[in-house]
């Protein structure tokens, strides 16, 4: 028995175990960690996008909309123009990395951003947004 144990090529056995079991498990674990990190990064960039959209909507309201609302100048075309301005301000406030990540995650980024602006407008109208509540989709009960 001792003779058999001494003649076993332990390096070969460890190599087979590494190749057959540990290497695929390590690769799978690495892929899962990368996917989790990407999801966390995307979540962080979504939070930043919402905060930028909130700032842009407030800024556009204070500088443009407040004086026009309720007048004949406040037409559908003007509303669309102001909405596009808010979207442009939101995107300009993002870093290049955040913009690329969000654009890659959302096939129609313009539509996604339009929805985000709509969410911000709704939250502002409902007075549900405050300094600590910057992510309405994370509220309990949703």
N, C-alpha and C. Protein backbone atom coordinates (compact mmCIF):
# COMPACT_ATOMS: atom_id res chain seq x y z
N UNK A 1 0.83 -1.19 0.00
CA UNK A 1 0.00 0.00 0.00
C UNK A 1 0.87 1.25 0.00
N UNK A 2 1.91 1.24 0.82
CA UNK A 2 2.82 2.38 0.89
C UNK A 2 3.49 2.61 -0.46
N UNK A 3 3.79 1.51 -1.15
CA UNK A 3 4.43 1.57 -2.46
C UNK A 3 3.52 2.26 -3.48
N UNK A 4 2.22 2.00 -3.43
CA UNK A 4 1.27 2.61 -4.35
C UNK A 4 1.14 4.11 -4.09
N UNK A 5 1.09 4.48 -2.83
CA UNK A 5 0.95 5.89 -2.47
C UNK A 5 2.17 6.69 -2.91
N UNK A 6 3.35 6.13 -2.79
CA UNK A 6 4.56 6.85 -3.18
C UNK A 6 4.70 6.97 -4.68
N UNK A 7 4.09 6.06 -5.45
CA UNK A 7 4.20 6.10 -6.90
C UNK A 7 3.13 6.98 -7.56
N UNK A 8 2.18 7.43 -6.81
CA UNK A 8 1.11 8.28 -7.37
C UNK A 8 1.69 9.65 -7.69
N UNK A 9 1.37 10.13 -8.85
CA UNK A 9 1.82 11.46 -9.28
C UNK A 9 0.81 12.49 -8.75
N UNK A 10 1.11 13.03 -7.57
CA UNK A 10 0.20 13.94 -6.91
C UNK A 10 0.00 15.24 -7.71
N UNK A 11 1.02 15.67 -8.40
CA UNK A 11 0.90 16.87 -9.22
C UNK A 11 -0.14 16.66 -10.32
N UNK A 12 -0.13 15.47 -10.92
CA UNK A 12 -1.10 15.15 -11.95
C UNK A 12 -2.52 15.11 -11.38
N UNK A 13 -2.68 14.53 -10.20
CA UNK A 13 -4.00 14.46 -9.56
C UNK A 13 -4.52 15.85 -9.24
N UNK A 14 -3.67 16.71 -8.67
CA UNK A 14 -4.09 18.08 -8.37
C UNK A 14 -4.41 18.86 -9.64
N UNK A 15 -3.66 18.60 -10.70
CA UNK A 15 -3.91 19.26 -11.98
C UNK A 15 -5.29 18.87 -12.53
N UNK A 16 -5.63 17.59 -12.43
CA UNK A 16 -6.93 17.12 -12.90
C UNK A 16 -8.05 17.71 -12.05
N UNK A 17 -7.87 17.70 -10.74
CA UNK A 17 -8.88 18.28 -9.84
C UNK A 17 -9.06 19.76 -10.15
N UNK A 18 -7.95 20.48 -10.34
CA UNK A 18 -8.01 21.90 -10.66
C UNK A 18 -8.75 22.13 -11.97
N UNK A 19 -8.39 21.35 -12.99
CA UNK A 19 -8.98 21.52 -14.32
C UNK A 19 -10.46 21.14 -14.35
N UNK A 20 -10.80 20.07 -13.67
CA UNK A 20 -12.16 19.55 -13.77
C UNK A 20 -13.14 20.21 -12.81
N UNK A 21 -12.67 20.61 -11.64
CA UNK A 21 -13.60 21.13 -10.63
C UNK A 21 -13.36 22.58 -10.24
N UNK A 22 -12.19 22.86 -9.79
CA UNK A 22 -11.94 24.18 -9.20
C UNK A 22 -11.90 25.31 -10.23
N UNK A 23 -11.31 25.07 -11.36
CA UNK A 23 -11.23 26.12 -12.37
C UNK A 23 -12.62 26.55 -12.85
N UNK A 24 -13.52 25.62 -13.21
CA UNK A 24 -14.88 26.05 -13.60
C UNK A 24 -15.64 26.73 -12.46
N UNK A 25 -15.49 26.24 -11.25
CA UNK A 25 -16.17 26.87 -10.11
C UNK A 25 -15.63 28.27 -9.87
N UNK A 26 -14.33 28.43 -9.97
CA UNK A 26 -13.72 29.75 -9.80
C UNK A 26 -14.19 30.71 -10.89
N UNK A 27 -14.23 30.23 -12.13
CA UNK A 27 -14.69 31.07 -13.24
C UNK A 27 -16.16 31.47 -13.05
N UNK A 28 -17.00 30.52 -12.61
CA UNK A 28 -18.41 30.81 -12.37
C UNK A 28 -18.56 31.84 -11.25
N UNK A 29 -17.82 31.64 -10.16
CA UNK A 29 -17.90 32.59 -9.04
C UNK A 29 -17.44 33.97 -9.49
N UNK A 30 -16.39 34.02 -10.29
CA UNK A 30 -15.90 35.31 -10.80
C UNK A 30 -16.94 36.00 -11.67
N UNK A 31 -17.62 35.22 -12.52
CA UNK A 31 -18.66 35.79 -13.38
C UNK A 31 -19.82 36.32 -12.56
N UNK A 32 -20.19 35.60 -11.50
CA UNK A 32 -21.28 36.05 -10.64
C UNK A 32 -20.91 37.33 -9.90
N UNK A 33 -19.69 37.42 -9.44
CA UNK A 33 -19.22 38.63 -8.75
C UNK A 33 -19.22 39.82 -9.71
N UNK A 34 -18.75 39.61 -10.94
CA UNK A 34 -18.75 40.69 -11.94
C UNK A 34 -20.18 41.14 -12.26
N UNK A 35 -21.09 40.18 -12.38
CA UNK A 35 -22.49 40.52 -12.67
C UNK A 35 -23.11 41.30 -11.51
N UNK A 36 -22.82 40.89 -10.29
CA UNK A 36 -23.33 41.59 -9.11
C UNK A 36 -22.78 43.02 -9.06
N UNK A 37 -21.46 43.16 -9.33
CA UNK A 37 -20.84 44.49 -9.30
C UNK A 37 -21.44 45.38 -10.39
N UNK A 38 -21.69 44.82 -11.56
CA UNK A 38 -22.29 45.61 -12.64
C UNK A 38 -23.69 46.06 -12.27
N UNK A 39 -24.46 45.18 -11.63
CA UNK A 39 -25.81 45.54 -11.19
C UNK A 39 -25.76 46.65 -10.15
N UNK A 40 -24.84 46.54 -9.21
CA UNK A 40 -24.70 47.59 -8.18
C UNK A 40 -24.30 48.91 -8.82
N UNK A 41 -23.39 48.85 -9.79
CA UNK A 41 -22.96 50.07 -10.48
C UNK A 41 -24.12 50.68 -11.24
N UNK A 42 -24.91 49.84 -11.91
CA UNK A 42 -26.06 50.34 -12.65
C UNK A 42 -27.08 50.98 -11.71
N UNK A 43 -27.28 50.36 -10.55
CA UNK A 43 -28.20 50.91 -9.56
C UNK A 43 -27.71 52.28 -9.08
N UNK A 44 -26.41 52.38 -8.86
CA UNK A 44 -25.83 53.65 -8.42
C UNK A 44 -26.00 54.72 -9.50
N UNK A 45 -25.76 54.36 -10.76
CA UNK A 45 -25.91 55.32 -11.85
C UNK A 45 -27.37 55.71 -12.05
N UNK A 46 -28.30 54.80 -11.81
CA UNK A 46 -29.72 55.12 -11.90
C UNK A 46 -30.11 56.13 -10.82
N UNK A 47 -29.57 55.94 -9.62
CA UNK A 47 -29.82 56.90 -8.54
C UNK A 47 -29.28 58.28 -8.90
N UNK A 48 -28.09 58.31 -9.47
CA UNK A 48 -27.48 59.58 -9.89
C UNK A 48 -28.32 60.23 -10.99
N UNK A 49 -28.80 59.41 -11.94
CA UNK A 49 -29.64 59.94 -13.02
C UNK A 49 -30.91 60.57 -12.46
N UNK A 50 -31.54 59.90 -11.50
CA UNK A 50 -32.76 60.45 -10.90
C UNK A 50 -32.46 61.78 -10.19
N UNK A 51 -31.39 61.83 -9.44
CA UNK A 51 -31.03 63.07 -8.73
C UNK A 51 -30.73 64.19 -9.72
N UNK A 52 -30.03 63.87 -10.82
CA UNK A 52 -29.74 64.88 -11.84
C UNK A 52 -31.03 65.35 -12.51
N UNK A 53 -31.94 64.41 -12.77
CA UNK A 53 -33.22 64.77 -13.39
C UNK A 53 -34.02 65.67 -12.46
N UNK A 54 -34.00 65.36 -11.18
CA UNK A 54 -34.73 66.20 -10.21
C UNK A 54 -34.17 67.61 -10.20
N UNK A 55 -32.85 67.72 -10.19
CA UNK A 55 -32.23 69.06 -10.21
C UNK A 55 -32.57 69.80 -11.51
N UNK A 56 -32.51 69.08 -12.64
CA UNK A 56 -32.78 69.71 -13.94
C UNK A 56 -34.23 70.18 -14.02
N UNK A 57 -35.16 69.35 -13.58
CA UNK A 57 -36.58 69.73 -13.63
C UNK A 57 -36.83 70.94 -12.75
N UNK A 58 -36.27 70.94 -11.55
CA UNK A 58 -36.44 72.10 -10.66
C UNK A 58 -35.85 73.35 -11.27
N UNK A 59 -34.66 73.22 -11.86
CA UNK A 59 -33.99 74.37 -12.47
C UNK A 59 -34.80 74.92 -13.64
N UNK A 60 -35.27 74.04 -14.52
CA UNK A 60 -36.04 74.48 -15.67
C UNK A 60 -37.36 75.11 -15.22
N UNK A 61 -37.97 74.56 -14.19
CA UNK A 61 -39.20 75.13 -13.68
C UNK A 61 -38.95 76.55 -13.16
N UNK A 62 -37.91 76.69 -12.36
CA UNK A 62 -37.62 78.00 -11.75
C UNK A 62 -37.22 79.04 -12.79
N UNK A 63 -36.48 78.64 -13.82
CA UNK A 63 -35.96 79.62 -14.77
C UNK A 63 -36.86 79.87 -15.97
N UNK A 64 -37.69 78.89 -16.35
CA UNK A 64 -38.48 79.04 -17.57
C UNK A 64 -39.97 78.86 -17.35
N UNK A 65 -40.34 77.74 -16.77
CA UNK A 65 -41.75 77.34 -16.73
C UNK A 65 -42.58 78.23 -15.84
N UNK A 66 -42.06 78.61 -14.70
CA UNK A 66 -42.85 79.37 -13.72
C UNK A 66 -43.48 80.62 -14.33
N UNK A 67 -42.74 81.30 -15.19
CA UNK A 67 -43.24 82.54 -15.78
C UNK A 67 -44.20 82.30 -16.94
N UNK A 68 -44.11 81.14 -17.57
CA UNK A 68 -44.94 80.86 -18.75
C UNK A 68 -46.24 80.12 -18.43
N UNK A 69 -46.23 79.33 -17.39
CA UNK A 69 -47.37 78.47 -17.09
C UNK A 69 -48.62 79.32 -16.87
N UNK A 70 -49.69 78.91 -17.50
CA UNK A 70 -50.95 79.64 -17.36
C UNK A 70 -51.12 80.75 -18.38
N UNK A 71 -50.14 80.94 -19.24
CA UNK A 71 -50.24 81.97 -20.28
C UNK A 71 -50.47 81.29 -21.63
N UNK A 72 -50.69 82.10 -22.65
CA UNK A 72 -50.88 81.56 -24.00
C UNK A 72 -49.58 81.03 -24.59
N UNK A 73 -48.47 81.41 -24.02
CA UNK A 73 -47.16 80.94 -24.49
C UNK A 73 -46.93 79.48 -24.11
N UNK A 74 -47.61 79.02 -23.08
CA UNK A 74 -47.42 77.66 -22.57
C UNK A 74 -48.22 76.67 -23.42
N UNK A 75 -47.67 76.32 -24.58
CA UNK A 75 -48.31 75.41 -25.51
C UNK A 75 -47.68 74.02 -25.42
N UNK A 76 -48.26 73.07 -26.12
CA UNK A 76 -47.70 71.71 -26.16
C UNK A 76 -46.27 71.73 -26.72
N UNK A 77 -46.06 72.54 -27.74
CA UNK A 77 -44.72 72.64 -28.33
C UNK A 77 -43.71 73.17 -27.31
N UNK A 78 -44.12 74.18 -26.55
CA UNK A 78 -43.24 74.76 -25.54
C UNK A 78 -42.99 73.74 -24.42
N UNK A 79 -44.02 72.98 -24.05
CA UNK A 79 -43.86 71.96 -23.02
C UNK A 79 -42.86 70.90 -23.47
N UNK A 80 -42.96 70.48 -24.74
CA UNK A 80 -42.01 69.51 -25.27
C UNK A 80 -40.59 70.08 -25.33
N UNK A 81 -40.49 71.35 -25.69
CA UNK A 81 -39.19 72.01 -25.75
C UNK A 81 -38.55 72.06 -24.36
N UNK A 82 -39.34 72.40 -23.36
CA UNK A 82 -38.85 72.48 -21.98
C UNK A 82 -38.46 71.09 -21.47
N UNK A 83 -39.25 70.09 -21.84
CA UNK A 83 -38.94 68.71 -21.43
C UNK A 83 -37.61 68.27 -22.04
N UNK A 84 -37.39 68.59 -23.30
CA UNK A 84 -36.11 68.25 -23.95
C UNK A 84 -34.94 68.98 -23.29
N UNK A 85 -35.17 70.20 -22.88
CA UNK A 85 -34.13 70.95 -22.17
C UNK A 85 -33.78 70.27 -20.84
N UNK A 86 -34.80 69.84 -20.12
CA UNK A 86 -34.56 69.14 -18.86
C UNK A 86 -33.79 67.83 -19.10
N UNK A 87 -34.14 67.11 -20.16
CA UNK A 87 -33.44 65.88 -20.49
C UNK A 87 -31.98 66.17 -20.83
N UNK A 88 -31.74 67.23 -21.60
CA UNK A 88 -30.37 67.58 -21.97
C UNK A 88 -29.54 67.96 -20.74
N UNK A 89 -30.14 68.72 -19.83
CA UNK A 89 -29.44 69.10 -18.60
C UNK A 89 -29.13 67.86 -17.75
N UNK A 90 -30.05 66.92 -17.73
CA UNK A 90 -29.85 65.69 -16.95
C UNK A 90 -28.67 64.91 -17.50
N UNK A 91 -28.62 64.74 -18.81
CA UNK A 91 -27.55 63.97 -19.44
C UNK A 91 -26.21 64.70 -19.29
N UNK A 92 -26.22 66.01 -19.42
CA UNK A 92 -24.97 66.77 -19.30
C UNK A 92 -24.36 66.65 -17.90
N UNK A 93 -25.18 66.42 -16.92
CA UNK A 93 -24.69 66.32 -15.54
C UNK A 93 -24.09 64.94 -15.24
N UNK A 94 -24.31 63.96 -16.14
CA UNK A 94 -23.76 62.62 -15.93
C UNK A 94 -22.29 62.57 -16.36
N UNK A 95 -21.56 61.67 -15.74
CA UNK A 95 -20.20 61.41 -16.21
C UNK A 95 -20.29 60.57 -17.48
N UNK A 96 -19.22 60.54 -18.26
CA UNK A 96 -19.22 59.72 -19.47
C UNK A 96 -19.44 58.25 -19.14
N UNK A 97 -18.82 57.78 -18.07
CA UNK A 97 -18.96 56.39 -17.68
C UNK A 97 -20.40 56.07 -17.31
N UNK A 98 -21.02 56.93 -16.53
CA UNK A 98 -22.41 56.71 -16.13
C UNK A 98 -23.32 56.72 -17.35
N UNK A 99 -23.10 57.65 -18.25
CA UNK A 99 -23.92 57.75 -19.46
C UNK A 99 -23.79 56.48 -20.30
N UNK A 100 -22.55 56.03 -20.52
CA UNK A 100 -22.34 54.81 -21.32
C UNK A 100 -22.98 53.59 -20.67
N UNK A 101 -22.85 53.47 -19.36
CA UNK A 101 -23.41 52.33 -18.63
C UNK A 101 -24.94 52.33 -18.72
N UNK A 102 -25.56 53.48 -18.49
CA UNK A 102 -27.02 53.57 -18.56
C UNK A 102 -27.54 53.37 -19.98
N UNK A 103 -26.82 53.91 -20.94
CA UNK A 103 -27.23 53.76 -22.34
C UNK A 103 -27.12 52.29 -22.78
N UNK A 104 -26.08 51.59 -22.32
CA UNK A 104 -25.93 50.17 -22.66
C UNK A 104 -27.00 49.32 -21.99
N UNK A 105 -27.43 49.72 -20.81
CA UNK A 105 -28.43 48.94 -20.06
C UNK A 105 -29.85 49.19 -20.56
N UNK A 106 -30.08 50.31 -21.23
CA UNK A 106 -31.42 50.67 -21.71
C UNK A 106 -31.36 50.88 -23.22
N UNK A 107 -31.99 49.98 -23.95
CA UNK A 107 -31.93 50.02 -25.41
C UNK A 107 -32.39 51.37 -25.95
N UNK A 108 -33.49 51.88 -25.44
CA UNK A 108 -33.97 53.18 -25.88
C UNK A 108 -33.77 54.16 -24.73
N UNK A 109 -32.55 54.65 -24.61
CA UNK A 109 -32.20 55.52 -23.49
C UNK A 109 -33.04 56.79 -23.47
N UNK A 110 -33.36 57.33 -24.64
CA UNK A 110 -34.15 58.56 -24.69
C UNK A 110 -35.53 58.34 -24.08
N UNK A 111 -36.12 57.21 -24.39
CA UNK A 111 -37.44 56.88 -23.82
C UNK A 111 -37.32 56.65 -22.31
N UNK A 112 -36.25 55.99 -21.89
CA UNK A 112 -36.00 55.75 -20.47
C UNK A 112 -35.85 57.07 -19.72
N UNK A 113 -35.08 57.98 -20.30
CA UNK A 113 -34.86 59.29 -19.70
C UNK A 113 -36.17 60.08 -19.65
N UNK A 114 -36.97 59.97 -20.69
CA UNK A 114 -38.26 60.64 -20.71
C UNK A 114 -39.14 60.13 -19.57
N UNK A 115 -39.11 58.82 -19.34
CA UNK A 115 -39.85 58.25 -18.22
C UNK A 115 -39.33 58.72 -16.88
N UNK A 116 -38.02 58.86 -16.77
CA UNK A 116 -37.43 59.35 -15.52
C UNK A 116 -37.86 60.79 -15.26
N UNK A 117 -37.88 61.62 -16.29
CA UNK A 117 -38.34 63.01 -16.14
C UNK A 117 -39.81 63.00 -15.71
N UNK A 118 -40.61 62.13 -16.31
CA UNK A 118 -42.02 62.01 -15.92
C UNK A 118 -42.17 61.61 -14.46
N UNK A 119 -41.33 60.69 -14.00
CA UNK A 119 -41.36 60.27 -12.59
C UNK A 119 -41.02 61.43 -11.67
N UNK A 120 -40.01 62.19 -12.04
CA UNK A 120 -39.61 63.35 -11.23
C UNK A 120 -40.75 64.37 -11.18
N UNK A 121 -41.36 64.65 -12.32
CA UNK A 121 -42.48 65.59 -12.35
C UNK A 121 -43.62 65.13 -11.46
N UNK A 122 -43.94 63.86 -11.55
CA UNK A 122 -45.01 63.31 -10.70
C UNK A 122 -44.66 63.45 -9.23
N UNK A 123 -43.42 63.09 -8.88
CA UNK A 123 -43.00 63.19 -7.48
C UNK A 123 -43.05 64.62 -6.97
N UNK A 124 -42.62 65.55 -7.80
CA UNK A 124 -42.66 66.96 -7.39
C UNK A 124 -44.10 67.45 -7.21
N UNK A 125 -44.96 67.03 -8.11
CA UNK A 125 -46.37 67.44 -7.99
C UNK A 125 -47.03 66.83 -6.77
N UNK A 126 -46.64 65.64 -6.40
CA UNK A 126 -47.22 64.96 -5.24
C UNK A 126 -46.52 65.33 -3.94
N UNK A 127 -45.48 66.14 -4.03
CA UNK A 127 -44.69 66.54 -2.87
C UNK A 127 -44.17 65.35 -2.08
N UNK A 128 -43.78 64.29 -2.79
CA UNK A 128 -43.26 63.11 -2.12
C UNK A 128 -41.75 63.09 -2.09
N UNK A 129 -41.12 64.03 -2.76
CA UNK A 129 -39.67 64.02 -2.83
C UNK A 129 -39.10 64.97 -1.78
N UNK A 130 -38.15 64.47 -0.99
CA UNK A 130 -37.43 65.33 -0.06
C UNK A 130 -35.96 64.99 -0.14
N UNK A 131 -35.15 65.56 0.72
CA UNK A 131 -33.70 65.39 0.64
C UNK A 131 -33.27 63.93 0.81
N UNK A 132 -33.95 63.14 1.62
CA UNK A 132 -33.51 61.77 1.86
C UNK A 132 -34.21 60.77 0.95
N UNK A 133 -35.29 61.17 0.32
CA UNK A 133 -36.03 60.27 -0.54
C UNK A 133 -35.73 60.59 -1.99
N UNK A 134 -34.59 60.13 -2.47
CA UNK A 134 -34.18 60.42 -3.83
C UNK A 134 -34.39 59.25 -4.77
N UNK A 135 -34.95 58.14 -4.26
CA UNK A 135 -35.15 56.97 -5.08
C UNK A 135 -36.57 56.43 -4.84
N UNK A 136 -37.59 56.98 -5.51
CA UNK A 136 -38.97 56.61 -5.22
C UNK A 136 -39.25 55.14 -5.52
N UNK A 137 -38.52 54.53 -6.42
CA UNK A 137 -38.76 53.13 -6.75
C UNK A 137 -38.30 52.19 -5.65
N UNK A 138 -37.60 52.72 -4.62
CA UNK A 138 -37.13 51.90 -3.50
C UNK A 138 -37.98 52.09 -2.26
N UNK A 139 -39.05 52.87 -2.37
CA UNK A 139 -39.91 53.08 -1.21
C UNK A 139 -40.53 51.76 -0.78
N UNK A 140 -40.74 51.61 0.50
CA UNK A 140 -41.39 50.39 0.99
C UNK A 140 -42.82 50.36 0.47
N UNK A 141 -43.28 49.18 0.16
CA UNK A 141 -44.63 49.02 -0.35
C UNK A 141 -44.69 49.04 -1.86
N UNK A 142 -43.60 49.36 -2.54
CA UNK A 142 -43.57 49.36 -4.01
C UNK A 142 -43.00 48.09 -4.52
